[in-house]
Amino acid sequence: MKLIRSTKCSLKFSTQSKLEELRVILDEYGKVCNVFIEHFWKNGCPDKAKLLKNIVDLPQDTWLSARLRKVAAREAIDMIRSIKERWKNKPNKVSMPVHKGKRMYVSCTIAGLNNSEEATEFDAWLHIASVGNKHILDLPVKYHKHYNKLAFLGKRLNSYIITDRYVQFVFEIETGAKKPFVNCIGIDTGINALASLNNGIQIGTEIKQMIERVKRCKHGSNGQKRARRAIKQYINESVKEIMALDPGLIVVERLKNLGI
């Protein structure tokens, strides 16, 4: 069994001129992506394998390379399919998505991570090339505890989400075969108790009054935020209480979002 996990590393060690150049690339990428979105919205999304030259060359007056234009076309397809899937039961609410030029999804054909042996303040260079208009960037990246943990557990994939503040890395982690179901217990969730177990135990019986407290607070106030945090903490404590009932317990129904 494989899991996909991601982590973000800051680009704060980059110079201001490099970040400005990166913003120029992101802005142009967003404009090109919107050209593809508008075209695919009107004419239908093609198969990604059929993104040939006649489609890739649709954007006019852009300096993006053909390679990055193809990446933008792929993201445009994903954005359209995602919003249609989200509102598939309410098609009247579907509206054409808009790329804001704040991020771009790229693979190893555009960006790559190279370890830095000489620098002391950061660990690697994020090399960005093949974007067009002679833009080539080397952005310093410093690893952190979460990145090192995922790197130890799994394999880093050659795909990146790049913004002007951070780069997001994706890891594939092999977890082995699924564990067999033992000591299972049934759980029902409700408004009066977070968890009603099939053995008669009820856990999280204070949740109703905590929800009422949120409703009494002014929307967006600090009091409401504190009340929401208290509910999240209470849910976490309730889950721990359930798992502590039996070391081999496997919960067969997750606690559902209460919609508050």
Foldseek 3Di string as FASTA:
>chain_A
DKDKDKDKWWLVVFDPVQLVLVLVLLQLLQVLLVQLLVVCVVVNQDDLVPCDPVNLPRDPPGFFASVSSSQSNVVSSVVQVVQCVVCVVPVVPGDRDGRPSFKGKDFVVAWDWAFDDPDDPAGIWIWGDRTGPPDIDTTGTHDDDVNVVLVVQFAWHRMWMDGSTIIMTMTMGDDDDDDDDDPEWEWDQDLQAQTQIPVGDTHRRCNNVLVVQLVVDDPPDPSNVVSVVVNVVRLVVRVVVVCVVDVRYDYPDDRDDPPD
